[in-house]
Amino acid sequence: MISLKIPRRLSIIICSLALVFAPIASASPTGSIAGFVKDQSGAIISGAKLTLINVSTNAKEEAVSDSNGGFQFLQLAPAVYSLHVEASGFKKEVLNDVLVQVDQITHLDATLQVGSVAETIEVLSEATPLLESDRSTLSNVIDSQVISDMPLNARQYLDLALLTPGVLPSSAGTQGGGFNVSGEHGA
């Protein structure tokens, strides 16, 4: 009878550990770029050639816009990239300073102008969309310079969560302290 309890307890412990460490093992320090290729009137351009270049390493990745004009670059290392977009009958467009951050999707829409491929249009910056329609999670990347400049009281890393919109400190006297995220207890 004792021999049956030990394997059962061991299996419960192993399953518990697997559940605890599964999110950590599945997390990857990468980001993505997604968007659409359109012309000046807003019509989609399918079959456009996209070349993504890591500015610091000069590594290149290529893609082609799909039948809906959409494109994706997945599993990218956090860095600054340059995106070159070209299609037959349109001027080449270059989007510089495209920032990819950990666990973030950078949204880009390339608007090509009618003309020859020999002409290039360079876009220096683009507005970041306020709403991410492709995910239901809330996350925020805090730059290392911001962390080093902040006067963190007692160097509590959980205080960094308070920099994310919708996060408030827990009420005084609540068990465990921490913070609330959109009304739910966070940590």
N, C-alpha and C. Protein backbone atom coordinates (compact mmCIF):
# COMPACT_ATOMS: atom_id res chain seq x y z
N MET A 1 0.82 -1.19 0.00
CA MET A 1 0.00 0.00 0.00
C MET A 1 0.86 1.26 0.00
N ILE A 2 1.95 1.25 0.72
CA ILE A 2 2.85 2.40 0.76
C ILE A 2 3.50 2.59 -0.61
N SER A 3 3.81 1.51 -1.28
CA SER A 3 4.46 1.63 -2.58
C SER A 3 3.56 2.29 -3.62
N LEU A 4 2.24 2.23 -3.45
CA LEU A 4 1.33 2.89 -4.38
C LEU A 4 1.25 4.39 -4.12
N LYS A 5 1.40 4.80 -2.86
CA LYS A 5 1.31 6.22 -2.52
C LYS A 5 2.51 7.00 -3.02
N ILE A 6 3.67 6.42 -2.98
CA ILE A 6 4.87 7.14 -3.40
C ILE A 6 4.81 7.48 -4.89
N PRO A 7 4.53 6.52 -5.78
CA PRO A 7 4.43 6.90 -7.19
C PRO A 7 3.32 7.91 -7.45
N ARG A 8 2.22 7.79 -6.73
CA ARG A 8 1.11 8.72 -6.93
C ARG A 8 1.53 10.13 -6.51
N ARG A 9 2.17 10.25 -5.37
CA ARG A 9 2.64 11.55 -4.90
C ARG A 9 3.71 12.11 -5.85
N LEU A 10 4.59 11.23 -6.30
CA LEU A 10 5.63 11.66 -7.22
C LEU A 10 5.03 12.17 -8.53
N SER A 11 4.02 11.49 -9.02
CA SER A 11 3.38 11.94 -10.27
C SER A 11 2.66 13.27 -10.07
N ILE A 12 2.07 13.48 -8.90
CA ILE A 12 1.40 14.76 -8.62
C ILE A 12 2.43 15.88 -8.56
N ILE A 13 3.56 15.61 -7.92
CA ILE A 13 4.62 16.63 -7.83
C ILE A 13 5.17 16.94 -9.21
N ILE A 14 5.41 15.93 -10.02
CA ILE A 14 5.94 16.16 -11.38
C ILE A 14 4.95 16.95 -12.22
N CYS A 15 3.67 16.61 -12.14
CA CYS A 15 2.65 17.35 -12.90
C CYS A 15 2.56 18.80 -12.43
N SER A 16 2.65 19.02 -11.12
CA SER A 16 2.60 20.37 -10.58
C SER A 16 3.78 21.20 -11.07
N LEU A 17 4.97 20.60 -11.04
CA LEU A 17 6.15 21.31 -11.52
C LEU A 17 6.06 21.61 -13.01
N ALA A 18 5.51 20.68 -13.77
CA ALA A 18 5.35 20.90 -15.21
C ALA A 18 4.41 22.06 -15.48
N LEU A 19 3.33 22.18 -14.71
CA LEU A 19 2.40 23.29 -14.89
C LEU A 19 3.02 24.62 -14.49
N VAL A 20 3.86 24.60 -13.47
CA VAL A 20 4.48 25.84 -13.01
C VAL A 20 5.51 26.34 -14.01
N PHE A 21 6.31 25.42 -14.57
CA PHE A 21 7.41 25.83 -15.44
C PHE A 21 7.06 25.84 -16.93
N ALA A 22 5.88 25.43 -17.32
CA ALA A 22 5.50 25.42 -18.74
C ALA A 22 5.51 26.82 -19.36
N PRO A 23 4.94 27.85 -18.69
CA PRO A 23 5.00 29.19 -19.30
C PRO A 23 6.42 29.71 -19.47
N ILE A 24 7.30 29.36 -18.54
CA ILE A 24 8.68 29.82 -18.63
C ILE A 24 9.38 29.15 -19.80
N ALA A 25 9.15 27.87 -19.98
CA ALA A 25 9.80 27.13 -21.06
C ALA A 25 9.28 27.55 -22.42
N SER A 26 8.00 27.93 -22.49
CA SER A 26 7.44 28.29 -23.78
C SER A 26 7.71 29.74 -24.16
N ALA A 27 8.10 30.57 -23.21
CA ALA A 27 8.38 31.97 -23.51
C ALA A 27 9.66 32.07 -24.33
N SER A 28 9.62 32.90 -25.34
CA SER A 28 10.82 33.08 -26.14
C SER A 28 11.12 34.56 -26.25
N PRO A 29 12.38 34.92 -26.22
CA PRO A 29 12.75 36.34 -26.26
C PRO A 29 12.75 36.88 -27.69
N THR A 30 11.61 36.80 -28.35
CA THR A 30 11.52 37.26 -29.72
C THR A 30 10.31 38.17 -29.89
N GLY A 31 10.27 38.85 -31.02
CA GLY A 31 9.14 39.68 -31.39
C GLY A 31 8.77 39.39 -32.84
N SER A 32 7.81 40.13 -33.36
CA SER A 32 7.33 39.90 -34.72
C SER A 32 7.02 41.24 -35.40
N ILE A 33 6.95 41.17 -36.72
CA ILE A 33 6.50 42.30 -37.52
C ILE A 33 5.37 41.79 -38.40
N ALA A 34 4.28 42.54 -38.47
CA ALA A 34 3.15 42.17 -39.32
C ALA A 34 2.55 43.43 -39.91
N GLY A 35 1.95 43.30 -41.07
CA GLY A 35 1.33 44.46 -41.69
C GLY A 35 0.77 44.15 -43.06
N PHE A 36 0.49 45.21 -43.81
CA PHE A 36 -0.10 45.10 -45.13
C PHE A 36 0.64 45.99 -46.12
N VAL A 37 0.62 45.57 -47.38
CA VAL A 37 1.18 46.37 -48.46
C VAL A 37 0.00 46.88 -49.27
N LYS A 38 -0.08 48.21 -49.43
CA LYS A 38 -1.19 48.85 -50.13
C LYS A 38 -0.66 49.88 -51.11
N ASP A 39 -1.52 50.32 -52.01
CA ASP A 39 -1.15 51.44 -52.88
C ASP A 39 -1.73 52.72 -52.29
N GLN A 40 -1.56 53.84 -52.99
CA GLN A 40 -1.99 55.14 -52.49
C GLN A 40 -3.48 55.21 -52.23
N SER A 41 -4.27 54.45 -52.99
CA SER A 41 -5.73 54.50 -52.82
C SER A 41 -6.19 53.56 -51.71
N GLY A 42 -5.30 52.76 -51.15
CA GLY A 42 -5.66 51.84 -50.08
C GLY A 42 -5.93 50.42 -50.57
N ALA A 43 -5.80 50.21 -51.89
CA ALA A 43 -6.00 48.86 -52.44
C ALA A 43 -4.81 47.98 -52.08
N ILE A 44 -5.08 46.71 -51.82
CA ILE A 44 -4.01 45.79 -51.42
C ILE A 44 -3.12 45.45 -52.61
N ILE A 45 -1.88 45.14 -52.30
CA ILE A 45 -0.92 44.72 -53.32
C ILE A 45 -0.42 43.33 -52.91
N SER A 46 -0.81 42.33 -53.68
CA SER A 46 -0.33 40.98 -53.39
C SER A 46 0.91 40.71 -54.22
N GLY A 47 1.77 39.85 -53.71
CA GLY A 47 2.99 39.48 -54.42
C GLY A 47 4.11 40.49 -54.32
N ALA A 48 4.01 41.45 -53.39
CA ALA A 48 5.10 42.41 -53.19
C ALA A 48 6.25 41.73 -52.48
N LYS A 49 7.47 42.03 -52.88
CA LYS A 49 8.66 41.44 -52.26
C LYS A 49 9.08 42.32 -51.09
N LEU A 50 9.25 41.69 -49.92
CA LEU A 50 9.65 42.39 -48.72
C LEU A 50 10.99 41.83 -48.24
N THR A 51 11.93 42.73 -47.96
CA THR A 51 13.24 42.33 -47.45
C THR A 51 13.45 43.04 -46.13
N LEU A 52 13.62 42.26 -45.06
CA LEU A 52 13.84 42.80 -43.73
C LEU A 52 15.32 42.65 -43.38
N ILE A 53 15.95 43.77 -42.99
CA ILE A 53 17.39 43.77 -42.70
C ILE A 53 17.61 44.22 -41.27
N ASN A 54 18.31 43.39 -40.49
CA ASN A 54 18.71 43.76 -39.14
C ASN A 54 19.83 44.79 -39.27
N VAL A 55 19.62 45.99 -38.75
CA VAL A 55 20.56 47.09 -38.93
C VAL A 55 21.92 46.78 -38.29
N SER A 56 21.94 46.12 -37.15
CA SER A 56 23.21 45.89 -36.45
C SER A 56 23.99 44.71 -37.02
N THR A 57 23.31 43.67 -37.52
CA THR A 57 24.02 42.48 -38.02
C THR A 57 23.99 42.34 -39.53
N ASN A 58 23.14 43.12 -40.18
CA ASN A 58 22.96 43.08 -41.63
C ASN A 58 22.36 41.75 -42.11
N ALA A 59 21.76 40.98 -41.20
CA ALA A 59 21.09 39.73 -41.56
C ALA A 59 19.78 40.06 -42.29
N LYS A 60 19.48 39.28 -43.34
CA LYS A 60 18.30 39.55 -44.16
C LYS A 60 17.30 38.41 -44.10
N GLU A 61 16.03 38.78 -44.11
CA GLU A 61 14.94 37.83 -44.25
C GLU A 61 14.03 38.37 -45.34
N GLU A 62 13.48 37.46 -46.14
CA GLU A 62 12.60 37.87 -47.23
C GLU A 62 11.23 37.24 -47.08
N ALA A 63 10.24 37.95 -47.59
CA ALA A 63 8.86 37.45 -47.60
C ALA A 63 8.15 38.05 -48.79
N VAL A 64 6.98 37.51 -49.09
CA VAL A 64 6.13 38.01 -50.17
C VAL A 64 4.75 38.25 -49.60
N SER A 65 4.14 39.37 -49.93
CA SER A 65 2.80 39.66 -49.41
C SER A 65 1.80 38.66 -49.98
N ASP A 66 0.85 38.23 -49.15
CA ASP A 66 -0.12 37.22 -49.56
C ASP A 66 -1.24 37.83 -50.40
N SER A 67 -2.27 37.05 -50.70
CA SER A 67 -3.36 37.51 -51.57
C SER A 67 -4.17 38.64 -50.93
N ASN A 68 -4.05 38.82 -49.62
CA ASN A 68 -4.72 39.93 -48.93
C ASN A 68 -3.79 41.12 -48.71
N GLY A 69 -2.58 41.04 -49.25
CA GLY A 69 -1.60 42.11 -49.08
C GLY A 69 -0.87 42.04 -47.76
N GLY A 70 -1.15 41.01 -46.96
CA GLY A 70 -0.55 40.90 -45.64
C GLY A 70 0.82 40.23 -45.66
N PHE A 71 1.61 40.52 -44.65
CA PHE A 71 2.91 39.88 -44.49
C PHE A 71 3.23 39.75 -43.01
N GLN A 72 4.12 38.80 -42.70
CA GLN A 72 4.57 38.59 -41.33
C GLN A 72 6.04 38.17 -41.32
N PHE A 73 6.75 38.65 -40.34
CA PHE A 73 8.09 38.17 -40.02
C PHE A 73 8.01 37.73 -38.56
N LEU A 74 8.12 36.42 -38.31
CA LEU A 74 7.96 35.87 -36.98
C LEU A 74 9.31 35.51 -36.37
N GLN A 75 9.32 35.39 -35.05
CA GLN A 75 10.50 34.95 -34.29
C GLN A 75 11.74 35.80 -34.60
N LEU A 76 11.59 37.11 -34.50
CA LEU A 76 12.71 38.02 -34.75
C LEU A 76 13.40 38.38 -33.44
N ALA A 77 14.71 38.48 -33.49
CA ALA A 77 15.47 38.94 -32.34
C ALA A 77 15.17 40.42 -32.10
N PRO A 78 15.05 40.84 -30.85
CA PRO A 78 14.81 42.26 -30.57
C PRO A 78 15.96 43.10 -31.12
N ALA A 79 15.63 44.03 -31.99
CA ALA A 79 16.65 44.88 -32.63
C ALA A 79 15.93 45.95 -33.45
N VAL A 80 16.73 46.77 -34.12
CA VAL A 80 16.22 47.76 -35.06
C VAL A 80 16.40 47.20 -36.46
N TYR A 81 15.35 47.27 -37.27
CA TYR A 81 15.35 46.70 -38.61
C TYR A 81 15.03 47.77 -39.65
N SER A 82 15.32 47.43 -40.89
CA SER A 82 14.96 48.24 -42.05
C SER A 82 14.17 47.33 -42.98
N LEU A 83 13.00 47.81 -43.45
CA LEU A 83 12.14 47.00 -44.31
C LEU A 83 12.09 47.63 -45.70
N HIS A 84 12.45 46.83 -46.71
CA HIS A 84 12.42 47.27 -48.10
C HIS A 84 11.26 46.57 -48.79
N VAL A 85 10.38 47.37 -49.42
CA VAL A 85 9.18 46.82 -50.07
C VAL A 85 9.20 47.24 -51.53
N GLU A 86 9.03 46.25 -52.42
CA GLU A 86 8.99 46.58 -53.84
C GLU A 86 7.99 45.67 -54.56
N ALA A 87 7.35 46.26 -55.58
CA ALA A 87 6.39 45.52 -56.40
C ALA A 87 6.46 46.09 -57.81
N SER A 88 6.11 45.26 -58.75
CA SER A 88 6.16 45.67 -60.16
C SER A 88 5.20 46.83 -60.41
N GLY A 89 5.71 47.88 -61.04
CA GLY A 89 4.89 49.05 -61.36
C GLY A 89 4.81 50.08 -60.26
N PHE A 90 5.53 49.85 -59.16
CA PHE A 90 5.50 50.77 -58.02
C PHE A 90 6.92 51.17 -57.64
N LYS A 91 7.02 52.35 -57.00
CA LYS A 91 8.31 52.80 -56.48
C LYS A 91 8.67 51.96 -55.25
N LYS A 92 9.94 51.70 -55.08
CA LYS A 92 10.42 50.96 -53.91
C LYS A 92 10.28 51.85 -52.68
N GLU A 93 9.82 51.25 -51.58
CA GLU A 93 9.68 52.00 -50.33
C GLU A 93 10.59 51.37 -49.27
N VAL A 94 11.26 52.22 -48.50
CA VAL A 94 12.14 51.76 -47.43
C VAL A 94 11.63 52.33 -46.12
N LEU A 95 11.34 51.43 -45.16
CA LEU A 95 10.91 51.85 -43.83
C LEU A 95 12.08 51.63 -42.89
N ASN A 96 12.65 52.70 -42.37
CA ASN A 96 13.82 52.62 -41.49
C ASN A 96 13.40 52.67 -40.03
N ASP A 97 14.32 52.30 -39.16
CA ASP A 97 14.14 52.38 -37.71
C ASP A 97 12.90 51.64 -37.22
N VAL A 98 12.70 50.42 -37.72
CA VAL A 98 11.59 49.58 -37.28
C VAL A 98 12.07 48.84 -36.04
N LEU A 99 11.49 49.14 -34.89
CA LEU A 99 11.93 48.57 -33.62
C LEU A 99 11.11 47.32 -33.30
N VAL A 100 11.80 46.21 -33.04
CA VAL A 100 11.17 44.96 -32.61
C VAL A 100 11.55 44.74 -31.17
N GLN A 101 10.53 44.56 -30.31
CA GLN A 101 10.77 44.34 -28.89
C GLN A 101 10.28 42.95 -28.49
N VAL A 102 10.73 42.49 -27.35
CA VAL A 102 10.39 41.16 -26.86
C VAL A 102 8.87 41.04 -26.67
N ASP A 103 8.32 39.95 -27.20
CA ASP A 103 6.90 39.60 -27.06
C ASP A 103 5.96 40.71 -27.56
N GLN A 104 6.39 41.46 -28.54
CA GLN A 104 5.58 42.51 -29.13
C GLN A 104 5.43 42.27 -30.62
N ILE A 105 4.30 42.69 -31.17
CA ILE A 105 4.10 42.64 -32.61
C ILE A 105 4.16 44.07 -33.11
N THR A 106 5.14 44.37 -33.94
CA THR A 106 5.27 45.69 -34.54
C THR A 106 4.42 45.71 -35.80
N HIS A 107 3.47 46.64 -35.86
CA HIS A 107 2.56 46.74 -37.00
C HIS A 107 3.08 47.77 -37.99
N LEU A 108 3.19 47.37 -39.25
CA LEU A 108 3.65 48.27 -40.31
C LEU A 108 2.72 48.15 -41.50
N ASP A 109 2.39 49.25 -42.09
CA ASP A 109 1.67 49.26 -43.35
C ASP A 109 2.52 50.02 -44.35
N ALA A 110 2.87 49.35 -45.44
CA ALA A 110 3.68 49.98 -46.48
C ALA A 110 2.75 50.48 -47.56
N THR A 111 2.86 51.74 -47.90
CA THR A 111 2.05 52.34 -48.95
C THR A 111 2.95 52.65 -50.13
N LEU A 112 2.76 51.92 -51.22
CA LEU A 112 3.59 52.09 -52.40
C LEU A 112 2.95 53.09 -53.35
N GLN A 113 3.79 53.88 -53.99
CA GLN A 113 3.31 54.86 -54.96
C GLN A 113 3.60 54.34 -56.36
N VAL A 114 2.71 54.67 -57.27
CA VAL A 114 2.88 54.23 -58.66
C VAL A 114 4.13 54.88 -59.23
N GLY A 115 4.92 54.10 -59.95
CA GLY A 115 6.14 54.61 -60.55
C GLY A 115 7.05 53.46 -60.90
N SER A 116 8.27 53.76 -61.24
CA SER A 116 9.20 52.70 -61.60
C SER A 116 9.92 52.20 -60.35
N VAL A 117 10.43 50.98 -60.40
CA VAL A 117 11.11 50.37 -59.27
C VAL A 117 12.42 51.10 -58.96
N ALA A 118 12.96 51.80 -59.94
CA ALA A 118 14.23 52.50 -59.74
C ALA A 118 14.10 53.64 -58.75
N GLU A 119 12.89 54.16 -58.57
CA GLU A 119 12.66 55.24 -57.62
C GLU A 119 12.41 54.64 -56.23
N THR A 120 12.96 55.29 -55.20
CA THR A 120 12.82 54.79 -53.83
C THR A 120 12.22 55.87 -52.96
N ILE A 121 11.27 55.48 -52.13
CA ILE A 121 10.68 56.39 -51.15
C ILE A 121 11.13 55.91 -49.78
N GLU A 122 11.71 56.80 -48.99
CA GLU A 122 12.22 56.43 -47.68
C GLU A 122 11.35 57.05 -46.60
N VAL A 123 10.80 56.20 -45.73
CA VAL A 123 9.96 56.64 -44.62
C VAL A 123 10.81 56.56 -43.37
N LEU A 124 10.95 57.69 -42.65
CA LEU A 124 11.83 57.71 -41.50
C LEU A 124 11.18 57.21 -40.22
N SER A 125 9.89 57.43 -40.06
CA SER A 125 9.21 56.92 -38.87
C SER A 125 7.73 56.78 -39.17
N GLU A 126 7.09 55.96 -38.34
CA GLU A 126 5.67 55.70 -38.54
C GLU A 126 5.00 55.67 -37.18
N ALA A 127 3.76 56.13 -37.11
CA ALA A 127 3.02 56.13 -35.85
C ALA A 127 2.69 54.71 -35.44
N THR A 128 2.76 54.46 -34.14
CA THR A 128 2.41 53.15 -33.59
C THR A 128 0.91 53.10 -33.35
N PRO A 129 0.25 52.02 -33.78
CA PRO A 129 -1.19 51.95 -33.55
C PRO A 129 -1.50 51.86 -32.06
N LEU A 130 -2.62 52.47 -31.65
CA LEU A 130 -3.00 52.48 -30.25
C LEU A 130 -3.69 51.20 -29.81
N LEU A 131 -4.25 50.45 -30.75
CA LEU A 131 -4.98 49.25 -30.43
C LEU A 131 -4.42 48.07 -31.19
N GLU A 132 -4.13 47.00 -30.47
CA GLU A 132 -3.65 45.78 -31.12
C GLU A 132 -4.84 44.85 -31.27
N SER A 133 -5.35 44.74 -32.48
CA SER A 133 -6.55 43.94 -32.72
C SER A 133 -6.26 42.45 -32.83
N ASP A 134 -5.00 42.05 -32.90
CA ASP A 134 -4.67 40.64 -33.09
C ASP A 134 -4.30 39.91 -31.81
N ARG A 135 -4.35 40.57 -30.66
CA ARG A 135 -4.07 39.88 -29.40
C ARG A 135 -4.88 40.49 -28.28
N SER A 136 -5.18 39.69 -27.28
CA SER A 136 -6.02 40.16 -26.18
C SER A 136 -5.24 40.32 -24.88
N THR A 137 -3.93 40.29 -24.97
CA THR A 137 -3.12 40.44 -23.76
C THR A 137 -2.57 41.84 -23.65
N LEU A 138 -2.21 42.21 -22.44
CA LEU A 138 -1.62 43.50 -22.19
C LEU A 138 -0.18 43.27 -21.75
N SER A 139 0.76 43.88 -22.45
CA SER A 139 2.15 43.76 -22.07
C SER A 139 2.86 45.07 -22.35
N ASN A 140 4.01 45.22 -21.74
CA ASN A 140 4.74 46.47 -21.87
C ASN A 140 6.23 46.17 -21.74
N VAL A 141 7.04 46.75 -22.60
CA VAL A 141 8.49 46.59 -22.51
C VAL A 141 9.06 47.87 -21.91
N ILE A 142 9.86 47.68 -20.87
CA ILE A 142 10.48 48.82 -20.19
C ILE A 142 11.95 48.83 -20.55
N ASP A 143 12.39 49.91 -21.14
CA ASP A 143 13.77 50.06 -21.61
C ASP A 143 14.74 50.03 -20.43
N SER A 144 15.91 49.46 -20.63
CA SER A 144 16.90 49.36 -19.55
C SER A 144 17.35 50.74 -19.06
N GLN A 145 17.35 51.72 -19.94
CA GLN A 145 17.73 53.08 -19.53
C GLN A 145 16.69 53.65 -18.57
N VAL A 146 15.42 53.37 -18.82
CA VAL A 146 14.35 53.84 -17.93
C VAL A 146 14.51 53.19 -16.56
N ILE A 147 14.83 51.90 -16.54
CA ILE A 147 15.01 51.20 -15.27
C ILE A 147 16.17 51.78 -14.47
N SER A 148 17.28 52.05 -15.14
CA SER A 148 18.44 52.59 -14.41
C SER A 148 18.22 54.02 -13.95
N ASP A 149 17.35 54.78 -14.64
CA ASP A 149 17.08 56.17 -14.25
C ASP A 149 16.02 56.29 -13.17
N MET A 150 15.26 55.23 -12.92
CA MET A 150 14.16 55.31 -11.96
C MET A 150 14.64 55.15 -10.53
N PRO A 151 14.06 55.92 -9.62
CA PRO A 151 14.38 55.75 -8.20
C PRO A 151 13.48 54.66 -7.61
N LEU A 152 13.82 53.40 -7.88
CA LEU A 152 13.00 52.30 -7.37
C LEU A 152 13.21 52.16 -5.86
N ASN A 153 12.13 52.27 -5.12
CA ASN A 153 12.18 52.16 -3.68
C ASN A 153 12.49 50.72 -3.29
N ALA A 154 13.57 50.51 -2.60
CA ALA A 154 14.02 49.19 -2.14
C ALA A 154 14.28 48.24 -3.30
N ARG A 155 14.44 48.76 -4.51
CA ARG A 155 14.76 47.98 -5.70
C ARG A 155 13.77 46.83 -5.93
N GLN A 156 12.49 47.10 -5.71
CA GLN A 156 11.45 46.09 -5.91
C GLN A 156 11.10 46.04 -7.39
N TYR A 157 11.39 44.91 -8.04
CA TYR A 157 11.15 44.79 -9.47
C TYR A 157 9.67 44.83 -9.81
N LEU A 158 8.79 44.46 -8.89
CA LEU A 158 7.35 44.50 -9.17
C LEU A 158 6.84 45.93 -9.34
N ASP A 159 7.60 46.91 -8.81
CA ASP A 159 7.20 48.30 -9.01
C ASP A 159 7.23 48.70 -10.48
N LEU A 160 8.01 47.99 -11.30
CA LEU A 160 8.05 48.28 -12.73
C LEU A 160 6.72 48.00 -13.41
N ALA A 161 5.94 47.09 -12.85
CA ALA A 161 4.62 46.79 -13.42
C ALA A 161 3.72 48.01 -13.38
N LEU A 162 3.94 48.91 -12.43
CA LEU A 162 3.12 50.10 -12.30
C LEU A 162 3.29 51.07 -13.47
N LEU A 163 4.28 50.84 -14.32
CA LEU A 163 4.49 51.68 -15.50
C LEU A 163 3.56 51.29 -16.65
N THR A 164 2.89 50.15 -16.54
CA THR A 164 2.00 49.66 -17.59
C THR A 164 0.61 50.27 -17.40
N PRO A 165 -0.03 50.74 -18.46
CA PRO A 165 -1.38 51.30 -18.34
C PRO A 165 -2.35 50.27 -17.77
N GLY A 166 -3.23 50.71 -16.86
CA GLY A 166 -4.22 49.83 -16.26
C GLY A 166 -3.74 49.13 -15.02
N VAL A 167 -2.50 49.40 -14.57
CA VAL A 167 -1.94 48.75 -13.39
C VAL A 167 -1.87 49.76 -12.25
N LEU A 168 -2.43 49.36 -11.10
CA LEU A 168 -2.44 50.22 -9.92
C LEU A 168 -1.91 49.43 -8.73
N PRO A 169 -1.30 50.12 -7.75
CA PRO A 169 -0.85 49.39 -6.56
C PRO A 169 -2.06 48.89 -5.78
N SER A 170 -1.88 47.76 -5.08
CA SER A 170 -2.96 47.21 -4.25
C SER A 170 -3.25 48.17 -3.12
N SER A 171 -4.47 48.10 -2.61
CA SER A 171 -4.86 48.94 -1.49
C SER A 171 -4.05 48.60 -0.26
N ALA A 172 -3.84 49.58 0.58
CA ALA A 172 -3.08 49.35 1.80
C ALA A 172 -3.82 48.35 2.68
N GLY A 173 -3.09 47.43 3.25
CA GLY A 173 -3.67 46.44 4.14
C GLY A 173 -4.15 45.18 3.46
N THR A 174 -4.06 45.12 2.12
CA THR A 174 -4.47 43.89 1.44
C THR A 174 -3.38 42.84 1.58
N GLN A 175 -3.81 41.62 1.59
CA GLN A 175 -2.88 40.52 1.80
C GLN A 175 -1.96 40.37 0.59
N GLY A 176 -0.67 40.31 0.82
CA GLY A 176 0.30 40.05 -0.24
C GLY A 176 0.81 41.29 -0.94
N GLY A 177 0.18 42.44 -0.78
CA GLY A 177 0.65 43.64 -1.46
C GLY A 177 0.53 43.49 -2.96
N GLY A 178 1.51 43.96 -3.70
CA GLY A 178 1.53 43.79 -5.15
C GLY A 178 0.75 44.87 -5.87
N PHE A 179 0.04 44.46 -6.92
CA PHE A 179 -0.65 45.42 -7.76
C PHE A 179 -1.91 44.79 -8.34
N ASN A 180 -2.77 45.66 -8.86
CA ASN A 180 -3.99 45.23 -9.52
C ASN A 180 -3.92 45.60 -10.99
N VAL A 181 -4.32 44.66 -11.86
CA VAL A 181 -4.32 44.89 -13.30
C VAL A 181 -5.77 44.91 -13.76
N SER A 182 -6.25 46.07 -14.18
CA SER A 182 -7.63 46.25 -14.63
C SER A 182 -8.62 45.68 -13.62
N GLY A 183 -8.37 45.89 -12.34
CA GLY A 183 -9.27 45.46 -11.29
C GLY A 183 -8.99 44.08 -10.73
N GLU A 184 -8.13 43.30 -11.38
CA GLU A 184 -7.78 41.96 -10.91
C GLU A 184 -6.46 42.01 -10.17
N HIS A 185 -6.32 41.16 -9.15
CA HIS A 185 -5.07 41.12 -8.38
C HIS A 185 -3.97 40.50 -9.24
N GLY A 186 -2.82 41.20 -9.41
CA GLY A 186 -1.74 40.76 -10.29
C GLY A 186 -0.66 39.97 -9.58
N ALA A 187 -0.13 40.45 -8.50
CA ALA A 187 0.96 39.73 -7.81
C ALA A 187 0.97 40.07 -6.36
